[in-house]
Amino acid sequence: MLPTETVYGLFANALDEKAVKKLYAVKGRPTEKALNMNVASYADILKYSKHQPVYLEKLVGTFLPGPLTIILEASNAVPEWIHIGKTTVGFRMPSIKITQKVIEKVGVLVGPSANLTGDPSPQFFADLSPQILENAQVAIQDDSIYGLDTTIIDLTGKTPRLLRQGAITREQLLREVPELADIQ
């Protein structure tokens, strides 16, 4: 279990099917619900996606690491157990230094919020359920989290779509990446 700038996340090696299945079981998450990939670099995003828009590097360079999830078409390198029959995958790059170091060392991780499905996302270490804690091999406390959801942007269609406005606002996205002007 690791902190992100938004909430605590329950992480597993994305390329280890057994670890990902255990994460689903511990969380009580339906297995048909896809997971995001937490990456260490822009190069990782390129490796695990395809058909990227020309402004992707600018978007990543401006807002990541940070509270943004970018949805792109999945490349063949994305294991089926992550995107569960979908053609897309979401990418996150948390800004907490210790979490970045773990991702760099271990490799691409899945990392949904560290709550039991249906419970509120844990904003503080004290909010973590005993069931989640007892199943975590590592639990790092860092309560510098600010509790706002990540912003989710889908770049898989002809027009970008803002699926959820969270910590990064629509106005910030448009100001920094004018290529998103037709965002829906």
N, C-alpha and C. Protein backbone atom coordinates (compact mmCIF):
# COMPACT_ATOMS: atom_id res chain seq x y z
N MET A 1 0.84 -1.15 0.00
CA MET A 1 0.00 0.00 0.00
C MET A 1 0.90 1.23 0.00
N LEU A 2 0.58 2.13 -0.92
CA LEU A 2 1.42 3.30 -1.10
C LEU A 2 0.55 4.56 -1.20
N PRO A 3 1.11 5.69 -0.78
CA PRO A 3 0.37 6.94 -0.93
C PRO A 3 0.49 7.47 -2.35
N THR A 4 -0.55 8.13 -2.80
CA THR A 4 -0.49 8.95 -4.01
C THR A 4 -0.85 10.35 -3.55
N GLU A 5 -0.83 11.31 -4.45
CA GLU A 5 -1.17 12.67 -4.04
C GLU A 5 -2.66 12.82 -3.76
N THR A 6 -3.45 11.83 -4.14
CA THR A 6 -4.90 11.93 -3.97
C THR A 6 -5.39 11.09 -2.79
N VAL A 7 -5.19 9.79 -2.83
CA VAL A 7 -5.58 8.88 -1.75
C VAL A 7 -4.54 7.76 -1.67
N TYR A 8 -4.69 6.87 -0.70
CA TYR A 8 -3.81 5.70 -0.63
C TYR A 8 -4.23 4.70 -1.70
N GLY A 9 -3.23 4.02 -2.27
CA GLY A 9 -3.49 3.04 -3.29
C GLY A 9 -3.00 1.67 -2.88
N LEU A 10 -3.69 0.65 -3.35
CA LEU A 10 -3.29 -0.74 -3.13
C LEU A 10 -2.63 -1.18 -4.43
N PHE A 11 -1.33 -1.44 -4.38
CA PHE A 11 -0.55 -1.67 -5.60
C PHE A 11 -0.13 -3.12 -5.75
N ALA A 12 0.02 -3.54 -7.01
CA ALA A 12 0.55 -4.86 -7.35
C ALA A 12 1.28 -4.75 -8.68
N ASN A 13 2.23 -5.64 -8.88
CA ASN A 13 2.98 -5.69 -10.14
C ASN A 13 2.00 -5.99 -11.27
N ALA A 14 1.87 -5.07 -12.20
CA ALA A 14 0.89 -5.19 -13.28
C ALA A 14 1.16 -6.37 -14.20
N LEU A 15 2.40 -6.83 -14.27
CA LEU A 15 2.76 -7.90 -15.19
C LEU A 15 2.71 -9.27 -14.52
N ASP A 16 2.30 -9.32 -13.25
CA ASP A 16 2.19 -10.56 -12.50
C ASP A 16 0.71 -10.87 -12.29
N GLU A 17 0.18 -11.78 -13.10
CA GLU A 17 -1.25 -12.08 -13.06
C GLU A 17 -1.71 -12.53 -11.67
N LYS A 18 -0.91 -13.34 -11.01
CA LYS A 18 -1.26 -13.83 -9.66
C LYS A 18 -1.39 -12.66 -8.68
N ALA A 19 -0.46 -11.72 -8.74
CA ALA A 19 -0.50 -10.55 -7.85
C ALA A 19 -1.73 -9.68 -8.13
N VAL A 20 -2.06 -9.51 -9.40
CA VAL A 20 -3.22 -8.70 -9.77
C VAL A 20 -4.51 -9.38 -9.32
N LYS A 21 -4.59 -10.71 -9.47
CA LYS A 21 -5.78 -11.44 -9.01
C LYS A 21 -5.93 -11.32 -7.49
N LYS A 22 -4.82 -11.35 -6.77
CA LYS A 22 -4.89 -11.19 -5.31
C LYS A 22 -5.40 -9.80 -4.96
N LEU A 23 -4.94 -8.78 -5.69
CA LEU A 23 -5.42 -7.41 -5.45
C LEU A 23 -6.94 -7.34 -5.63
N TYR A 24 -7.44 -7.93 -6.70
CA TYR A 24 -8.89 -7.95 -6.93
C TYR A 24 -9.61 -8.61 -5.75
N ALA A 25 -9.06 -9.74 -5.27
CA ALA A 25 -9.70 -10.48 -4.19
C ALA A 25 -9.68 -9.69 -2.88
N VAL A 26 -8.54 -9.10 -2.53
CA VAL A 26 -8.42 -8.34 -1.29
C VAL A 26 -9.37 -7.16 -1.29
N LYS A 27 -9.47 -6.47 -2.39
CA LYS A 27 -10.33 -5.29 -2.51
C LYS A 27 -11.81 -5.65 -2.63
N GLY A 28 -12.07 -6.87 -3.11
CA GLY A 28 -13.45 -7.23 -3.40
C GLY A 28 -13.93 -6.54 -4.66
N ARG A 29 -13.00 -6.28 -5.57
CA ARG A 29 -13.30 -5.56 -6.81
C ARG A 29 -13.77 -6.55 -7.87
N PRO A 30 -14.84 -6.22 -8.57
CA PRO A 30 -15.28 -7.11 -9.66
C PRO A 30 -14.17 -7.25 -10.71
N THR A 31 -13.92 -8.48 -11.12
CA THR A 31 -12.80 -8.71 -12.05
C THR A 31 -13.05 -8.16 -13.45
N GLU A 32 -14.29 -7.81 -13.75
CA GLU A 32 -14.55 -7.20 -15.07
C GLU A 32 -14.24 -5.70 -15.08
N LYS A 33 -13.89 -5.16 -13.92
CA LYS A 33 -13.56 -3.73 -13.84
C LYS A 33 -12.05 -3.56 -14.06
N ALA A 34 -11.68 -2.91 -15.15
CA ALA A 34 -10.28 -2.76 -15.55
C ALA A 34 -9.49 -1.93 -14.53
N LEU A 35 -8.18 -2.05 -14.60
CA LEU A 35 -7.28 -1.32 -13.71
C LEU A 35 -6.40 -0.36 -14.51
N ASN A 36 -5.98 0.71 -13.88
CA ASN A 36 -5.01 1.63 -14.48
C ASN A 36 -3.61 1.09 -14.30
N MET A 37 -2.71 1.54 -15.17
CA MET A 37 -1.30 1.22 -15.04
C MET A 37 -0.58 2.44 -14.47
N ASN A 38 0.14 2.24 -13.39
CA ASN A 38 0.95 3.29 -12.79
C ASN A 38 2.36 3.14 -13.33
N VAL A 39 2.84 4.16 -14.00
CA VAL A 39 4.10 4.09 -14.73
C VAL A 39 5.10 5.10 -14.18
N ALA A 40 6.36 4.90 -14.55
CA ALA A 40 7.43 5.77 -14.08
C ALA A 40 7.83 6.83 -15.10
N SER A 41 7.42 6.65 -16.37
CA SER A 41 7.93 7.55 -17.39
C SER A 41 7.00 7.66 -18.59
N TYR A 42 7.27 8.68 -19.38
CA TYR A 42 6.57 8.85 -20.66
C TYR A 42 6.85 7.66 -21.57
N ALA A 43 8.07 7.15 -21.53
CA ALA A 43 8.43 5.99 -22.35
C ALA A 43 7.55 4.79 -22.01
N ASP A 44 7.22 4.61 -20.74
CA ASP A 44 6.32 3.52 -20.34
C ASP A 44 4.94 3.70 -20.97
N ILE A 45 4.44 4.93 -20.97
CA ILE A 45 3.14 5.21 -21.57
C ILE A 45 3.17 4.84 -23.05
N LEU A 46 4.24 5.23 -23.74
CA LEU A 46 4.36 4.91 -25.16
C LEU A 46 4.42 3.39 -25.40
N LYS A 47 5.11 2.68 -24.52
CA LYS A 47 5.25 1.22 -24.66
C LYS A 47 3.90 0.51 -24.53
N TYR A 48 3.06 0.98 -23.62
CA TYR A 48 1.82 0.28 -23.31
C TYR A 48 0.59 0.90 -23.99
N SER A 49 0.80 1.82 -24.90
CA SER A 49 -0.33 2.42 -25.62
C SER A 49 -0.01 2.51 -27.10
N LYS A 50 -1.04 2.86 -27.87
CA LYS A 50 -0.86 3.07 -29.31
C LYS A 50 -1.80 4.18 -29.76
N HIS A 51 -1.55 4.71 -30.92
CA HIS A 51 -2.37 5.78 -31.51
C HIS A 51 -2.46 7.00 -30.58
N GLN A 52 -1.33 7.42 -30.05
CA GLN A 52 -1.29 8.56 -29.15
C GLN A 52 -1.48 9.87 -29.93
N PRO A 53 -2.17 10.83 -29.34
CA PRO A 53 -2.31 12.13 -30.01
C PRO A 53 -0.96 12.86 -30.01
N VAL A 54 -0.78 13.77 -30.95
CA VAL A 54 0.50 14.47 -31.08
C VAL A 54 0.84 15.32 -29.86
N TYR A 55 -0.15 15.73 -29.10
CA TYR A 55 0.08 16.58 -27.93
C TYR A 55 0.29 15.78 -26.64
N LEU A 56 0.36 14.45 -26.72
CA LEU A 56 0.48 13.63 -25.51
C LEU A 56 1.73 13.98 -24.71
N GLU A 57 2.87 14.14 -25.37
CA GLU A 57 4.10 14.45 -24.64
C GLU A 57 3.97 15.76 -23.88
N LYS A 58 3.32 16.74 -24.48
CA LYS A 58 3.11 18.03 -23.82
C LYS A 58 2.21 17.86 -22.59
N LEU A 59 1.14 17.09 -22.74
CA LEU A 59 0.21 16.84 -21.64
C LEU A 59 0.93 16.13 -20.49
N VAL A 60 1.67 15.09 -20.81
CA VAL A 60 2.41 14.34 -19.80
C VAL A 60 3.46 15.22 -19.14
N GLY A 61 4.22 15.95 -19.95
CA GLY A 61 5.27 16.81 -19.41
C GLY A 61 4.75 17.91 -18.50
N THR A 62 3.54 18.35 -18.73
CA THR A 62 2.95 19.43 -17.94
C THR A 62 2.31 18.92 -16.65
N PHE A 63 1.60 17.80 -16.71
CA PHE A 63 0.78 17.38 -15.58
C PHE A 63 1.23 16.11 -14.86
N LEU A 64 2.18 15.40 -15.41
CA LEU A 64 2.65 14.18 -14.73
C LEU A 64 4.12 14.30 -14.38
N PRO A 65 4.51 13.77 -13.22
CA PRO A 65 3.67 13.11 -12.24
C PRO A 65 2.66 14.08 -11.63
N GLY A 66 1.49 13.54 -11.33
CA GLY A 66 0.43 14.35 -10.75
C GLY A 66 -0.91 13.65 -10.83
N PRO A 67 -1.97 14.32 -10.38
CA PRO A 67 -3.29 13.71 -10.24
C PRO A 67 -4.09 13.66 -11.54
N LEU A 68 -3.53 13.01 -12.55
CA LEU A 68 -4.18 12.91 -13.85
C LEU A 68 -4.13 11.46 -14.32
N THR A 69 -5.26 10.94 -14.78
CA THR A 69 -5.31 9.64 -15.44
C THR A 69 -5.59 9.89 -16.91
N ILE A 70 -4.73 9.33 -17.75
CA ILE A 70 -4.87 9.49 -19.20
C ILE A 70 -5.26 8.14 -19.79
N ILE A 71 -6.39 8.11 -20.48
CA ILE A 71 -6.85 6.87 -21.11
C ILE A 71 -6.46 6.89 -22.58
N LEU A 72 -5.78 5.81 -22.99
CA LEU A 72 -5.31 5.65 -24.37
C LEU A 72 -5.65 4.24 -24.85
N GLU A 73 -5.50 4.02 -26.13
CA GLU A 73 -5.67 2.67 -26.65
C GLU A 73 -4.51 1.81 -26.14
N ALA A 74 -4.84 0.60 -25.71
CA ALA A 74 -3.83 -0.32 -25.16
C ALA A 74 -3.03 -0.97 -26.27
N SER A 75 -1.73 -1.06 -26.06
CA SER A 75 -0.88 -1.80 -27.00
C SER A 75 -0.97 -3.29 -26.67
N ASN A 76 -0.36 -4.10 -27.49
CA ASN A 76 -0.34 -5.55 -27.25
C ASN A 76 0.48 -5.91 -26.02
N ALA A 77 1.27 -4.97 -25.50
CA ALA A 77 2.09 -5.24 -24.32
C ALA A 77 1.27 -5.21 -23.02
N VAL A 78 0.03 -4.72 -23.07
CA VAL A 78 -0.81 -4.65 -21.87
C VAL A 78 -1.45 -6.02 -21.65
N PRO A 79 -1.19 -6.64 -20.50
CA PRO A 79 -1.79 -7.94 -20.22
C PRO A 79 -3.32 -7.86 -20.15
N GLU A 80 -3.97 -8.90 -20.61
CA GLU A 80 -5.43 -8.97 -20.62
C GLU A 80 -6.01 -8.77 -19.22
N TRP A 81 -5.34 -9.26 -18.20
CA TRP A 81 -5.88 -9.15 -16.84
C TRP A 81 -5.90 -7.72 -16.31
N ILE A 82 -5.36 -6.78 -17.05
CA ILE A 82 -5.42 -5.37 -16.65
C ILE A 82 -6.58 -4.66 -17.33
N HIS A 83 -6.73 -4.85 -18.64
CA HIS A 83 -7.79 -4.10 -19.33
C HIS A 83 -9.04 -4.93 -19.59
N ILE A 84 -9.05 -6.19 -19.19
CA ILE A 84 -10.24 -7.05 -19.14
C ILE A 84 -11.13 -6.92 -20.39
N GLY A 85 -10.58 -7.24 -21.53
CA GLY A 85 -11.37 -7.25 -22.75
C GLY A 85 -11.61 -5.89 -23.39
N LYS A 86 -11.16 -4.83 -22.76
CA LYS A 86 -11.31 -3.50 -23.35
C LYS A 86 -10.13 -3.24 -24.28
N THR A 87 -10.27 -2.25 -25.12
CA THR A 87 -9.17 -1.89 -26.03
C THR A 87 -8.38 -0.70 -25.49
N THR A 88 -8.77 -0.22 -24.31
CA THR A 88 -8.14 0.97 -23.73
C THR A 88 -7.50 0.65 -22.38
N VAL A 89 -6.64 1.55 -21.94
CA VAL A 89 -6.03 1.43 -20.62
C VAL A 89 -5.75 2.84 -20.09
N GLY A 90 -5.88 3.01 -18.79
CA GLY A 90 -5.59 4.29 -18.15
C GLY A 90 -4.18 4.30 -17.60
N PHE A 91 -3.56 5.47 -17.61
CA PHE A 91 -2.20 5.63 -17.10
C PHE A 91 -2.17 6.67 -15.99
N ARG A 92 -1.45 6.33 -14.91
CA ARG A 92 -1.24 7.24 -13.79
C ARG A 92 0.24 7.32 -13.51
N MET A 93 0.67 8.44 -13.00
CA MET A 93 2.05 8.63 -12.58
C MET A 93 1.99 9.45 -11.29
N PRO A 94 1.83 8.77 -10.13
CA PRO A 94 1.70 9.50 -8.87
C PRO A 94 2.93 10.35 -8.57
N SER A 95 2.70 11.48 -7.90
CA SER A 95 3.80 12.42 -7.65
C SER A 95 4.52 12.22 -6.31
N ILE A 96 4.05 11.34 -5.47
CA ILE A 96 4.72 11.09 -4.18
C ILE A 96 6.05 10.38 -4.47
N LYS A 97 7.14 10.93 -3.97
CA LYS A 97 8.49 10.45 -4.31
C LYS A 97 8.70 8.97 -4.00
N ILE A 98 8.27 8.51 -2.82
CA ILE A 98 8.49 7.10 -2.46
C ILE A 98 7.72 6.18 -3.40
N THR A 99 6.54 6.58 -3.79
CA THR A 99 5.73 5.78 -4.71
C THR A 99 6.38 5.74 -6.08
N GLN A 100 6.91 6.87 -6.52
CA GLN A 100 7.64 6.91 -7.80
C GLN A 100 8.82 5.95 -7.76
N LYS A 101 9.56 5.94 -6.65
CA LYS A 101 10.74 5.08 -6.53
C LYS A 101 10.36 3.61 -6.59
N VAL A 102 9.25 3.25 -5.94
CA VAL A 102 8.80 1.86 -5.98
C VAL A 102 8.44 1.47 -7.42
N ILE A 103 7.71 2.34 -8.12
CA ILE A 103 7.34 2.04 -9.51
C ILE A 103 8.58 1.91 -10.39
N GLU A 104 9.55 2.79 -10.20
CA GLU A 104 10.79 2.71 -10.97
C GLU A 104 11.52 1.40 -10.70
N LYS A 105 11.54 0.96 -9.45
CA LYS A 105 12.27 -0.25 -9.08
C LYS A 105 11.53 -1.53 -9.48
N VAL A 106 10.23 -1.59 -9.20
CA VAL A 106 9.45 -2.80 -9.45
C VAL A 106 9.00 -2.89 -10.91
N GLY A 107 8.65 -1.76 -11.48
CA GLY A 107 8.09 -1.72 -12.82
C GLY A 107 6.64 -1.28 -12.76
N VAL A 108 5.94 -1.41 -13.85
CA VAL A 108 4.56 -0.94 -13.96
C VAL A 108 3.69 -1.63 -12.91
N LEU A 109 2.89 -0.82 -12.22
CA LEU A 109 2.01 -1.33 -11.16
C LEU A 109 0.56 -0.98 -11.46
N VAL A 110 -0.35 -1.84 -11.01
CA VAL A 110 -1.75 -1.44 -10.94
C VAL A 110 -1.91 -0.87 -9.54
N GLY A 111 -2.81 0.08 -9.36
CA GLY A 111 -2.92 0.71 -8.05
C GLY A 111 -4.23 1.41 -7.82
N PRO A 112 -5.33 0.67 -7.72
CA PRO A 112 -6.60 1.34 -7.37
C PRO A 112 -6.55 1.82 -5.93
N SER A 113 -7.54 2.58 -5.53
CA SER A 113 -7.57 3.08 -4.16
C SER A 113 -7.58 1.91 -3.18
N ALA A 114 -6.96 2.12 -2.02
CA ALA A 114 -6.77 1.06 -1.03
C ALA A 114 -7.96 0.95 -0.08
N ASN A 115 -9.12 0.75 -0.66
CA ASN A 115 -10.34 0.56 0.11
C ASN A 115 -11.02 -0.71 -0.35
N LEU A 116 -11.90 -1.22 0.50
CA LEU A 116 -12.75 -2.32 0.06
C LEU A 116 -13.75 -1.72 -0.90
N THR A 117 -14.10 -2.43 -1.94
CA THR A 117 -15.04 -1.92 -2.94
C THR A 117 -16.32 -1.46 -2.25
N GLY A 118 -16.72 -0.23 -2.56
CA GLY A 118 -17.92 0.35 -1.96
C GLY A 118 -17.65 1.24 -0.78
N ASP A 119 -16.47 1.11 -0.16
CA ASP A 119 -16.10 1.97 0.96
C ASP A 119 -15.43 3.24 0.44
N PRO A 120 -15.41 4.31 1.25
CA PRO A 120 -14.73 5.54 0.81
C PRO A 120 -13.24 5.31 0.61
N SER A 121 -12.65 6.05 -0.32
CA SER A 121 -11.21 5.97 -0.55
C SER A 121 -10.48 6.55 0.66
N PRO A 122 -9.40 5.90 1.09
CA PRO A 122 -8.68 6.36 2.29
C PRO A 122 -7.80 7.58 2.02
N GLN A 123 -8.14 8.68 2.68
CA GLN A 123 -7.35 9.90 2.53
C GLN A 123 -6.22 9.94 3.56
N PHE A 124 -6.36 9.21 4.66
CA PHE A 124 -5.35 9.18 5.71
C PHE A 124 -5.03 7.73 6.05
N PHE A 125 -3.84 7.52 6.55
CA PHE A 125 -3.41 6.17 6.91
C PHE A 125 -4.40 5.54 7.89
N ALA A 126 -4.91 6.35 8.80
CA ALA A 126 -5.87 5.85 9.80
C ALA A 126 -7.18 5.39 9.17
N ASP A 127 -7.46 5.81 7.94
CA ASP A 127 -8.69 5.40 7.25
C ASP A 127 -8.61 4.01 6.63
N LEU A 128 -7.42 3.43 6.58
CA LEU A 128 -7.24 2.12 5.94
C LEU A 128 -7.91 1.02 6.76
N SER A 129 -8.61 0.15 6.08
CA SER A 129 -9.30 -0.93 6.79
C SER A 129 -8.30 -1.99 7.25
N PRO A 130 -8.58 -2.63 8.38
CA PRO A 130 -7.69 -3.70 8.85
C PRO A 130 -7.51 -4.81 7.81
N GLN A 131 -8.57 -5.13 7.05
CA GLN A 131 -8.47 -6.17 6.03
C GLN A 131 -7.47 -5.79 4.95
N ILE A 132 -7.47 -4.54 4.55
CA ILE A 132 -6.50 -4.08 3.54
C ILE A 132 -5.09 -4.12 4.13
N LEU A 133 -4.93 -3.60 5.34
CA LEU A 133 -3.61 -3.55 5.97
C LEU A 133 -3.01 -4.93 6.19
N GLU A 134 -3.82 -5.90 6.62
CA GLU A 134 -3.27 -7.22 6.90
C GLU A 134 -2.85 -7.96 5.64
N ASN A 135 -3.34 -7.54 4.48
CA ASN A 135 -2.97 -8.18 3.22
C ASN A 135 -1.86 -7.44 2.47
N ALA A 136 -1.44 -6.32 3.00
CA ALA A 136 -0.39 -5.53 2.34
C ALA A 136 0.98 -6.04 2.75
N GLN A 137 1.86 -6.26 1.78
CA GLN A 137 3.23 -6.64 2.10
C GLN A 137 4.03 -5.43 2.57
N VAL A 138 3.67 -4.27 2.06
CA VAL A 138 4.31 -3.01 2.43
C VAL A 138 3.22 -1.98 2.62
N ALA A 139 3.33 -1.18 3.68
CA ALA A 139 2.38 -0.09 3.90
C ALA A 139 3.17 1.14 4.32
N ILE A 140 3.23 2.12 3.44
CA ILE A 140 4.00 3.34 3.69
C ILE A 140 3.04 4.46 4.03
N GLN A 141 3.31 5.11 5.16
CA GLN A 141 2.45 6.22 5.59
C GLN A 141 3.04 7.54 5.12
N ASP A 142 2.19 8.37 4.52
CA ASP A 142 2.56 9.73 4.11
C ASP A 142 1.26 10.49 3.98
N ASP A 143 0.90 11.22 5.01
CA ASP A 143 -0.39 11.91 4.99
C ASP A 143 -0.31 13.31 4.39
N SER A 144 0.52 13.46 3.35
CA SER A 144 0.54 14.72 2.60
C SER A 144 -0.48 14.69 1.48
N ILE A 145 -1.28 13.65 1.45
CA ILE A 145 -2.34 13.48 0.47
C ILE A 145 -3.36 14.60 0.62
N TYR A 146 -3.91 15.08 -0.51
CA TYR A 146 -4.89 16.14 -0.38
C TYR A 146 -6.32 15.70 -0.67
N GLY A 147 -6.54 14.45 -0.94
CA GLY A 147 -7.87 13.89 -0.96
C GLY A 147 -8.77 14.21 -2.15
N LEU A 148 -8.30 14.95 -3.12
CA LEU A 148 -9.11 15.22 -4.32
C LEU A 148 -8.91 14.09 -5.32
N ASP A 149 -9.96 13.75 -6.03
CA ASP A 149 -9.86 12.71 -7.04
C ASP A 149 -8.93 13.13 -8.17
N THR A 150 -8.41 12.13 -8.87
CA THR A 150 -7.64 12.43 -10.07
C THR A 150 -8.60 12.91 -11.16
N THR A 151 -8.09 13.70 -12.04
CA THR A 151 -8.83 14.09 -13.24
C THR A 151 -8.61 12.98 -14.25
N ILE A 152 -9.67 12.59 -14.95
CA ILE A 152 -9.56 11.51 -15.93
C ILE A 152 -9.91 12.07 -17.31
N ILE A 153 -8.98 11.89 -18.24
CA ILE A 153 -9.18 12.36 -19.62
C ILE A 153 -9.02 11.18 -20.56
N ASP A 154 -9.97 11.04 -21.46
CA ASP A 154 -9.97 9.95 -22.44
C ASP A 154 -9.52 10.51 -23.79
N LEU A 155 -8.40 10.00 -24.29
CA LEU A 155 -7.84 10.48 -25.55
C LEU A 155 -7.98 9.44 -26.66
N THR A 156 -8.95 8.54 -26.55
CA THR A 156 -9.06 7.45 -27.52
C THR A 156 -9.96 7.78 -28.71
N GLY A 157 -10.77 8.81 -28.61
CA GLY A 157 -11.68 9.15 -29.70
C GLY A 157 -11.14 10.29 -30.54
N LYS A 158 -11.96 10.73 -31.48
CA LYS A 158 -11.59 11.87 -32.32
C LYS A 158 -11.47 13.14 -31.49
N THR A 159 -12.31 13.23 -30.46
CA THR A 159 -12.27 14.39 -29.57
C THR A 159 -11.95 13.92 -28.15
N PRO A 160 -11.06 14.63 -27.46
CA PRO A 160 -10.77 14.25 -26.08
C PRO A 160 -12.01 14.45 -25.20
N ARG A 161 -12.16 13.57 -24.21
CA ARG A 161 -13.30 13.68 -23.30
C ARG A 161 -12.80 13.77 -21.86
N LEU A 162 -13.33 14.70 -21.14
CA LEU A 162 -13.04 14.83 -19.72
C LEU A 162 -14.06 13.97 -18.98
N LEU A 163 -13.62 12.82 -18.48
CA LEU A 163 -14.54 11.88 -17.84
C LEU A 163 -14.80 12.26 -16.39
N ARG A 164 -13.79 12.85 -15.74
CA ARG A 164 -13.97 13.33 -14.37
C ARG A 164 -13.02 14.48 -14.13
N GLN A 165 -13.57 15.60 -13.67
CA GLN A 165 -12.71 16.70 -13.26
C GLN A 165 -12.41 16.51 -11.79
N GLY A 166 -11.15 16.42 -11.49
CA GLY A 166 -10.70 16.25 -10.12
C GLY A 166 -9.75 17.38 -9.77
N ALA A 167 -8.58 17.01 -9.29
CA ALA A 167 -7.60 17.98 -8.82
C ALA A 167 -7.12 18.92 -9.92
N ILE A 168 -7.06 18.44 -11.15
CA ILE A 168 -6.68 19.29 -12.28
C ILE A 168 -7.96 19.71 -12.99
N THR A 169 -8.14 21.00 -13.13
CA THR A 169 -9.39 21.51 -13.70
C THR A 169 -9.34 21.55 -15.23
N ARG A 170 -10.50 21.62 -15.81
CA ARG A 170 -10.64 21.77 -17.25
C ARG A 170 -9.88 23.02 -17.72
N GLU A 171 -10.02 24.10 -16.96
CA GLU A 171 -9.35 25.36 -17.31
C GLU A 171 -7.83 25.20 -17.32
N GLN A 172 -7.28 24.47 -16.35
CA GLN A 172 -5.83 24.23 -16.32
C GLN A 172 -5.41 23.42 -17.54
N LEU A 173 -6.16 22.39 -17.86
CA LEU A 173 -5.84 21.57 -19.04
C LEU A 173 -5.81 22.42 -20.30
N LEU A 174 -6.84 23.25 -20.49
CA LEU A 174 -6.94 24.08 -21.69
C LEU A 174 -5.85 25.15 -21.74
N ARG A 175 -5.52 25.72 -20.59
CA ARG A 175 -4.50 26.76 -20.54
C ARG A 175 -3.12 26.19 -20.92
N GLU A 176 -2.81 25.01 -20.41
CA GLU A 176 -1.49 24.43 -20.63
C GLU A 176 -1.36 23.64 -21.93
N VAL A 177 -2.48 23.07 -22.38
CA VAL A 177 -2.47 22.25 -23.60
C VAL A 177 -3.62 22.72 -24.48
N PRO A 178 -3.44 23.84 -25.20
CA PRO A 178 -4.51 24.39 -26.03
C PRO A 178 -5.03 23.41 -27.08
N GLU A 179 -4.26 22.39 -27.40
CA GLU A 179 -4.69 21.38 -28.37
C GLU A 179 -5.94 20.63 -27.88
N LEU A 180 -6.27 20.77 -26.61
CA LEU A 180 -7.45 20.13 -26.04
C LEU A 180 -8.70 21.00 -26.18
N ALA A 181 -8.64 22.04 -26.99
CA ALA A 181 -9.72 23.03 -27.10
C ALA A 181 -11.09 22.42 -27.39
N ASP A 182 -11.12 21.30 -28.10
CA ASP A 182 -12.42 20.70 -28.41
C ASP A 182 -12.84 19.61 -27.42
N ILE A 183 -12.27 19.65 -26.23
CA ILE A 183 -12.56 18.65 -25.21
C ILE A 183 -14.04 18.68 -24.84
N GLN A 184 -14.62 17.51 -24.66
CA GLN A 184 -16.03 17.40 -24.30
C GLN A 184 -16.16 17.02 -22.84
